[in-house]
Amino acid sequence: MQTLFLIRHGKPAAVWGEADDDPGLDDAGRAQAEAARDHLLSLPEDQRPSRVVSSPLRRCRETAAPTAEALGVEIEIDPGVGEIPTPAALSAEDRPGWLREAFQGRWTEIRGDLDYEQWRRRAADSLLVRGGTAVFSHYVAINAVMSLLEGEDRVLVFRPDHASITTLGTDGSRLSLVSRGREASTGVL
């Protein structure tokens, strides 16, 4: 079994429904990104990640950057660990309400343009070959993976804090939970 680290992005400068569709990090988020890097580098050398993968969104790329720089590697972009796709017909103002509604239900009940049960399985599948990697992702994508690992159909099973590091194991065909990252309240709900 190889270890991988699933890390929620640091605190963004804006939230869903605000003017910026792809905000970067605020000052607290940048400090969280550095703290995540410091934690990963504090691990024994044989347990540190050797690769860095990020969602395409700016807040994840900016959270991943200090770790990638410290490891001397490029950030690999993977849409498979990206944010949950929202229905095309939703306006930016309607996204927070849609997400709050989704969090109250089950993966098979989310209304939208695609099969969200398949989306969550693809998110988890994208991690299977990521042993030895720090993967920077999002609240919902992390919940997608955690709900599968826990055998849950509920959308919200975990409240990862900004820059929370969850440790998983993979043998290339199966994921397992090693340890949950830090949980906190969030502005999502």
C-alpha atoms as a PDB file:
ATOM      1  CA  MET A   1       0.000   0.000   0.000  1.00  0.00           C
ATOM      2  CA  GLN A   2       1.280   3.441  -0.929  1.00  0.00           C
ATOM      3  CA  THR A   3       0.251   6.598   0.898  1.00  0.00           C
ATOM      4  CA  LEU A   4      -1.349   9.625  -0.703  1.00  0.00           C
ATOM      5  CA  PHE A   5      -2.419  12.892   0.839  1.00  0.00           C
ATOM      6  CA  LEU A   6      -5.772  14.477  -0.034  1.00  0.00           C
ATOM      7  CA  ILE A   7      -5.619  18.161   0.851  1.00  0.00           C
ATOM      8  CA  ARG A   8      -8.394  20.725   0.781  1.00  0.00           C
ATOM      9  CA  HIS A   9      -7.363  24.076  -0.689  1.00  0.00           C
ATOM     10  CA  GLY A  10      -6.559  26.986   1.604  1.00  0.00           C
ATOM     11  CA  LYS A  11      -9.024  29.760   2.419  1.00  0.00           C
ATOM     12  CA  PRO A  12     -10.059  31.509  -0.808  1.00  0.00           C
ATOM     13  CA  ALA A  13     -10.330  35.261  -1.239  1.00  0.00           C
ATOM     14  CA  ALA A  14     -14.011  34.837  -2.246  1.00  0.00           C
ATOM     15  CA  VAL A  15     -16.733  32.202  -1.909  1.00  0.00           C
ATOM     16  CA  TRP A  16     -19.305  30.762  -4.288  1.00  0.00           C
ATOM     17  CA  GLY A  17     -21.830  33.362  -5.351  1.00  0.00           C
ATOM     18  CA  GLU A  18     -19.380  36.250  -5.104  1.00  0.00           C
ATOM     19  CA  ALA A  19     -17.952  38.084  -8.115  1.00  0.00           C
ATOM     20  CA  ASP A  20     -14.914  35.869  -8.800  1.00  0.00           C
ATOM     21  CA  ASP A  21     -15.681  32.426 -10.273  1.00  0.00           C
ATOM     22  CA  ASP A  22     -12.092  31.264  -9.681  1.00  0.00           C
ATOM     23  CA  PRO A  23     -10.674  33.086  -6.662  1.00  0.00           C
ATOM     24  CA  GLY A  24      -7.144  32.646  -5.434  1.00  0.00           C
ATOM     25  CA  LEU A  25      -6.150  32.475  -1.786  1.00  0.00           C
ATOM     26  CA  ASP A  26      -6.397  35.250   0.759  1.00  0.00           C
ATOM     27  CA  ASP A  27      -3.599  35.882   3.289  1.00  0.00           C
ATOM     28  CA  ALA A  28      -4.906  33.187   5.650  1.00  0.00           C
ATOM     29  CA  GLY A  29      -5.109  30.741   2.739  1.00  0.00           C
ATOM     30  CA  ARG A  30      -1.505  31.427   1.745  1.00  0.00           C
ATOM     31  CA  ALA A  31      -0.402  30.773   5.333  1.00  0.00           C
ATOM     32  CA  GLN A  32      -2.428  27.531   5.314  1.00  0.00           C
ATOM     33  CA  ALA A  33      -0.734  26.455   2.067  1.00  0.00           C
ATOM     34  CA  GLU A  34       2.657  27.022   3.673  1.00  0.00           C
ATOM     35  CA  ALA A  35       1.591  25.099   6.796  1.00  0.00           C
ATOM     36  CA  ALA A  36       0.464  22.158   4.621  1.00  0.00           C
ATOM     37  CA  ARG A  37       3.843  22.219   2.870  1.00  0.00           C
ATOM     38  CA  ASP A  38       5.647  22.322   6.220  1.00  0.00           C
ATOM     39  CA  HIS A  39       3.643  19.363   7.515  1.00  0.00           C
ATOM     40  CA  LEU A  40       4.333  17.264   4.420  1.00  0.00           C
ATOM     41  CA  LEU A  41       8.046  18.120   4.502  1.00  0.00           C
ATOM     42  CA  SER A  42       8.230  17.237   8.204  1.00  0.00           C
ATOM     43  CA  LEU A  43       7.387  13.607   7.412  1.00  0.00           C
ATOM     44  CA  PRO A  44      10.226  11.097   7.221  1.00  0.00           C
ATOM     45  CA  GLU A  45      11.742  11.281   3.740  1.00  0.00           C
ATOM     46  CA  ASP A  46      10.405   7.872   2.703  1.00  0.00           C
ATOM     47  CA  GLN A  47       6.842   8.985   3.583  1.00  0.00           C
ATOM     48  CA  ARG A  48       6.879  12.403   1.868  1.00  0.00           C
ATOM     49  CA  PRO A  49       5.015  12.837  -1.392  1.00  0.00           C
ATOM     50  CA  SER A  50       7.133  12.920  -4.516  1.00  0.00           C
ATOM     51  CA  ARG A  51       4.413  14.298  -6.818  1.00  0.00           C
ATOM     52  CA  VAL A  52       1.910  17.146  -6.551  1.00  0.00           C
ATOM     53  CA  VAL A  53      -1.499  17.034  -8.254  1.00  0.00           C
ATOM     54  CA  SER A  54      -4.060  19.821  -8.233  1.00  0.00           C
ATOM     55  CA  SER A  55      -7.549  20.639  -9.351  1.00  0.00           C
ATOM     56  CA  PRO A  56      -7.471  23.128 -12.244  1.00  0.00           C
ATOM     57  CA  LEU A  57      -8.966  25.862 -10.045  1.00  0.00           C
ATOM     58  CA  ARG A  58      -6.746  28.662  -8.836  1.00  0.00           C
ATOM     59  CA  ARG A  59      -7.316  28.178  -5.084  1.00  0.00           C
ATOM     60  CA  CYS A  60      -6.028  24.603  -5.348  1.00  0.00           C
ATOM     61  CA  ARG A  61      -3.104  25.485  -7.605  1.00  0.00           C
ATOM     62  CA  GLU A  62      -2.062  28.247  -5.207  1.00  0.00           C
ATOM     63  CA  THR A  63      -2.337  25.880  -2.230  1.00  0.00           C
ATOM     64  CA  ALA A  64      -0.248  23.275  -4.069  1.00  0.00           C
ATOM     65  CA  ALA A  65       2.458  25.709  -5.200  1.00  0.00           C
ATOM     66  CA  PRO A  66       4.543  25.893  -1.986  1.00  0.00           C
ATOM     67  CA  THR A  67       4.676  22.088  -1.738  1.00  0.00           C
ATOM     68  CA  ALA A  68       5.583  21.648  -5.409  1.00  0.00           C
ATOM     69  CA  GLU A  69       8.279  24.302  -5.152  1.00  0.00           C
ATOM     70  CA  ALA A  70       9.768  22.734  -2.002  1.00  0.00           C
ATOM     71  CA  LEU A  71       9.794  19.285  -3.635  1.00  0.00           C
ATOM     72  CA  GLY A  72      11.190  20.676  -6.898  1.00  0.00           C
ATOM     73  CA  VAL A  73       8.366  19.233  -8.999  1.00  0.00           C
ATOM     74  CA  GLU A  74       5.775  20.621 -11.400  1.00  0.00           C
ATOM     75  CA  ILE A  75       2.110  20.682 -10.410  1.00  0.00           C
ATOM     76  CA  GLU A  76       0.141  18.099 -12.402  1.00  0.00           C
ATOM     77  CA  ILE A  77      -3.377  19.358 -13.173  1.00  0.00           C
ATOM     78  CA  ASP A  78      -6.165  16.763 -12.916  1.00  0.00           C
ATOM     79  CA  PRO A  79      -9.811  17.784 -13.516  1.00  0.00           C
ATOM     80  CA  GLY A  80     -10.748  14.460 -11.878  1.00  0.00           C
ATOM     81  CA  VAL A  81     -10.057  16.035  -8.476  1.00  0.00           C
ATOM     82  CA  GLY A  82     -11.781  19.292  -9.431  1.00  0.00           C
ATOM     83  CA  GLU A  83     -14.850  21.000  -8.044  1.00  0.00           C
ATOM     84  CA  ILE A  84     -18.289  19.448  -8.459  1.00  0.00           C
ATOM     85  CA  PRO A  85     -19.820  20.538 -11.775  1.00  0.00           C
ATOM     86  CA  THR A  86     -22.888  22.683 -11.274  1.00  0.00           C
ATOM     87  CA  PRO A  87     -25.867  22.537 -13.623  1.00  0.00           C
ATOM     88  CA  ALA A  88     -25.273  24.729 -16.688  1.00  0.00           C
ATOM     89  CA  ALA A  89     -28.565  26.575 -16.210  1.00  0.00           C
ATOM     90  CA  LEU A  90     -27.615  27.808 -12.713  1.00  0.00           C
ATOM     91  CA  SER A  91     -26.483  31.386 -12.278  1.00  0.00           C
ATOM     92  CA  ALA A  92     -23.548  32.176  -9.992  1.00  0.00           C
ATOM     93  CA  GLU A  93     -26.037  33.545  -7.460  1.00  0.00           C
ATOM     94  CA  ASP A  94     -27.976  30.258  -7.430  1.00  0.00           C
ATOM     95  CA  ARG A  95     -24.917  28.000  -6.915  1.00  0.00           C
ATOM     96  CA  PRO A  96     -24.694  28.344  -3.099  1.00  0.00           C
ATOM     97  CA  GLY A  97     -28.353  27.347  -2.678  1.00  0.00           C
ATOM     98  CA  TRP A  98     -27.948  24.403  -5.055  1.00  0.00           C
ATOM     99  CA  LEU A  99     -24.903  23.232  -3.128  1.00  0.00           C
ATOM    100  CA  ARG A 100     -26.631  23.589   0.264  1.00  0.00           C
ATOM    101  CA  GLU A 101     -29.522  21.512  -1.091  1.00  0.00           C
ATOM    102  CA  ALA A 102     -27.118  18.868  -2.410  1.00  0.00           C
ATOM    103  CA  PHE A 103     -25.395  18.620   0.973  1.00  0.00           C
ATOM    104  CA  GLN A 104     -28.697  17.765   2.633  1.00  0.00           C
ATOM    105  CA  GLY A 105     -29.232  14.739   0.417  1.00  0.00           C
ATOM    106  CA  ARG A 106     -27.681  11.742  -1.234  1.00  0.00           C
ATOM    107  CA  TRP A 107     -25.431  11.470  -4.270  1.00  0.00           C
ATOM    108  CA  THR A 108     -28.203   9.802  -6.280  1.00  0.00           C
ATOM    109  CA  GLU A 109     -30.596  12.694  -5.521  1.00  0.00           C
ATOM    110  CA  ILE A 110     -28.529  15.689  -6.661  1.00  0.00           C
ATOM    111  CA  ARG A 111     -30.366  17.547  -9.384  1.00  0.00           C
ATOM    112  CA  GLY A 112     -28.343  18.594 -12.373  1.00  0.00           C
ATOM    113  CA  ASP A 113     -26.968  17.822 -15.814  1.00  0.00           C
ATOM    114  CA  LEU A 114     -25.010  14.708 -14.976  1.00  0.00           C
ATOM    115  CA  ASP A 115     -24.953  11.553 -12.902  1.00  0.00           C
ATOM    116  CA  TYR A 116     -23.305  12.713  -9.669  1.00  0.00           C
ATOM    117  CA  GLU A 117     -22.939   9.148  -8.435  1.00  0.00           C
ATOM    118  CA  GLN A 118     -20.659   8.506 -11.427  1.00  0.00           C
ATOM    119  CA  TRP A 119     -18.857  11.802 -10.823  1.00  0.00           C
ATOM    120  CA  ARG A 120     -17.978  10.807  -7.256  1.00  0.00           C
ATOM    121  CA  ARG A 121     -16.733   7.406  -8.431  1.00  0.00           C
ATOM    122  CA  ARG A 122     -14.521   9.066 -11.051  1.00  0.00           C
ATOM    123  CA  ALA A 123     -13.102  11.375  -8.360  1.00  0.00           C
ATOM    124  CA  ALA A 124     -12.146   8.367  -6.235  1.00  0.00           C
ATOM    125  CA  ASP A 125     -10.857   6.415  -9.243  1.00  0.00           C
ATOM    126  CA  SER A 126      -8.538   9.299 -10.152  1.00  0.00           C
ATOM    127  CA  LEU A 127      -6.731   8.720  -6.842  1.00  0.00           C
ATOM    128  CA  LEU A 128      -6.068   4.997  -7.296  1.00  0.00           C
ATOM    129  CA  VAL A 129      -2.776   5.552  -9.135  1.00  0.00           C
ATOM    130  CA  ARG A 130      -1.711   8.505  -6.989  1.00  0.00           C
ATOM    131  CA  GLY A 131       0.420   6.742  -4.373  1.00  0.00           C
ATOM    132  CA  GLY A 132       3.208   8.991  -3.128  1.00  0.00           C
ATOM    133  CA  THR A 133       1.287  12.100  -4.178  1.00  0.00           C
ATOM    134  CA  ALA A 134      -0.062  15.245  -2.510  1.00  0.00           C
ATOM    135  CA  VAL A 135      -3.459  15.883  -4.151  1.00  0.00           C
ATOM    136  CA  PHE A 136      -4.977  19.355  -3.694  1.00  0.00           C
ATOM    137  CA  SER A 137      -8.739  19.299  -4.101  1.00  0.00           C
ATOM    138  CA  HIS A 138     -12.089  20.651  -2.895  1.00  0.00           C
ATOM    139  CA  TYR A 139     -14.591  20.189  -0.073  1.00  0.00           C
ATOM    140  CA  VAL A 140     -17.141  18.377  -2.248  1.00  0.00           C
ATOM    141  CA  ALA A 141     -14.616  16.188  -4.083  1.00  0.00           C
ATOM    142  CA  ILE A 142     -13.113  15.144  -0.747  1.00  0.00           C
ATOM    143  CA  ASN A 143     -16.618  14.292   0.481  1.00  0.00           C
ATOM    144  CA  ALA A 144     -17.153  12.257  -2.688  1.00  0.00           C
ATOM    145  CA  VAL A 145     -14.123  10.119  -1.874  1.00  0.00           C
ATOM    146  CA  MET A 146     -14.823   9.893   1.860  1.00  0.00           C
ATOM    147  CA  SER A 147     -18.460   8.884   1.327  1.00  0.00           C
ATOM    148  CA  LEU A 148     -17.357   5.999  -0.909  1.00  0.00           C
ATOM    149  CA  LEU A 149     -14.708   4.883   1.567  1.00  0.00           C
ATOM    150  CA  GLU A 150     -17.319   4.905   4.341  1.00  0.00           C
ATOM    151  CA  GLY A 151     -19.964   3.131   2.240  1.00  0.00           C
ATOM    152  CA  GLU A 152     -22.280   6.134   2.549  1.00  0.00           C
ATOM    153  CA  ASP A 153     -24.688   7.572  -0.012  1.00  0.00           C
ATOM    154  CA  ARG A 154     -24.975  10.844   1.942  1.00  0.00           C
ATOM    155  CA  VAL A 155     -23.204  13.736   0.237  1.00  0.00           C
ATOM    156  CA  LEU A 156     -21.871  15.345   3.409  1.00  0.00           C
ATOM    157  CA  VAL A 157     -19.908  12.899   5.579  1.00  0.00           C
ATOM    158  CA  PHE A 158     -16.841  15.008   6.407  1.00  0.00           C
ATOM    159  CA  ARG A 159     -16.126  18.707   6.992  1.00  0.00           C
ATOM    160  CA  PRO A 160     -12.478  19.174   5.997  1.00  0.00           C
ATOM    161  CA  ASP A 161     -11.019  22.456   7.179  1.00  0.00           C
ATOM    162  CA  HIS A 162      -9.044  24.626   4.761  1.00  0.00           C
ATOM    163  CA  ALA A 163      -5.679  22.932   4.047  1.00  0.00           C
ATOM    164  CA  SER A 164      -6.818  19.852   5.991  1.00  0.00           C
ATOM    165  CA  ILE A 165      -4.697  16.809   5.100  1.00  0.00           C
ATOM    166  CA  THR A 166      -6.437  13.428   4.886  1.00  0.00           C
ATOM    167  CA  THR A 167      -4.160  10.427   4.464  1.00  0.00           C
ATOM    168  CA  LEU A 168      -5.245   7.561   2.212  1.00  0.00           C
ATOM    169  CA  GLY A 169      -3.644   4.322   1.122  1.00  0.00           C
ATOM    170  CA  THR A 170      -3.783   2.826  -2.355  1.00  0.00           C
ATOM    171  CA  ASP A 171      -2.601  -0.400  -3.902  1.00  0.00           C
ATOM    172  CA  GLY A 172      -3.549   0.803  -7.396  1.00  0.00           C
ATOM    173  CA  SER A 173      -6.945  -0.878  -7.378  1.00  0.00           C
ATOM    174  CA  ARG A 174      -8.385   0.053  -3.987  1.00  0.00           C
ATOM    175  CA  LEU A 175      -8.353   3.077  -1.658  1.00  0.00           C
ATOM    176  CA  SER A 176      -8.380   2.955   2.116  1.00  0.00           C
ATOM    177  CA  LEU A 177      -8.592   5.622   4.792  1.00  0.00           C
ATOM    178  CA  VAL A 178      -5.476   5.934   6.951  1.00  0.00           C
ATOM    179  CA  SER A 179      -6.435   9.102   8.853  1.00  0.00           C
ATOM    180  CA  ARG A 180      -8.953  11.905   8.494  1.00  0.00           C
ATOM    181  CA  GLY A 181      -7.760  15.443   8.215  1.00  0.00           C
ATOM    182  CA  ARG A 182      -8.750  18.241  10.553  1.00  0.00           C
ATOM    183  CA  GLU A 183     -12.458  19.098  10.495  1.00  0.00           C
ATOM    184  CA  ALA A 184     -13.991  22.518  10.979  1.00  0.00           C
ATOM    185  CA  SER A 185     -17.166  24.436  10.386  1.00  0.00           C
ATOM    186  CA  THR A 186     -17.461  25.940   6.920  1.00  0.00           C
ATOM    187  CA  GLY A 187     -19.284  28.699   5.122  1.00  0.00           C
ATOM    188  CA  VAL A 188     -20.582  26.150   2.598  1.00  0.00           C
ATOM    189  CA  LEU A 189     -23.632  25.320   4.711  1.00  0.00           C
END
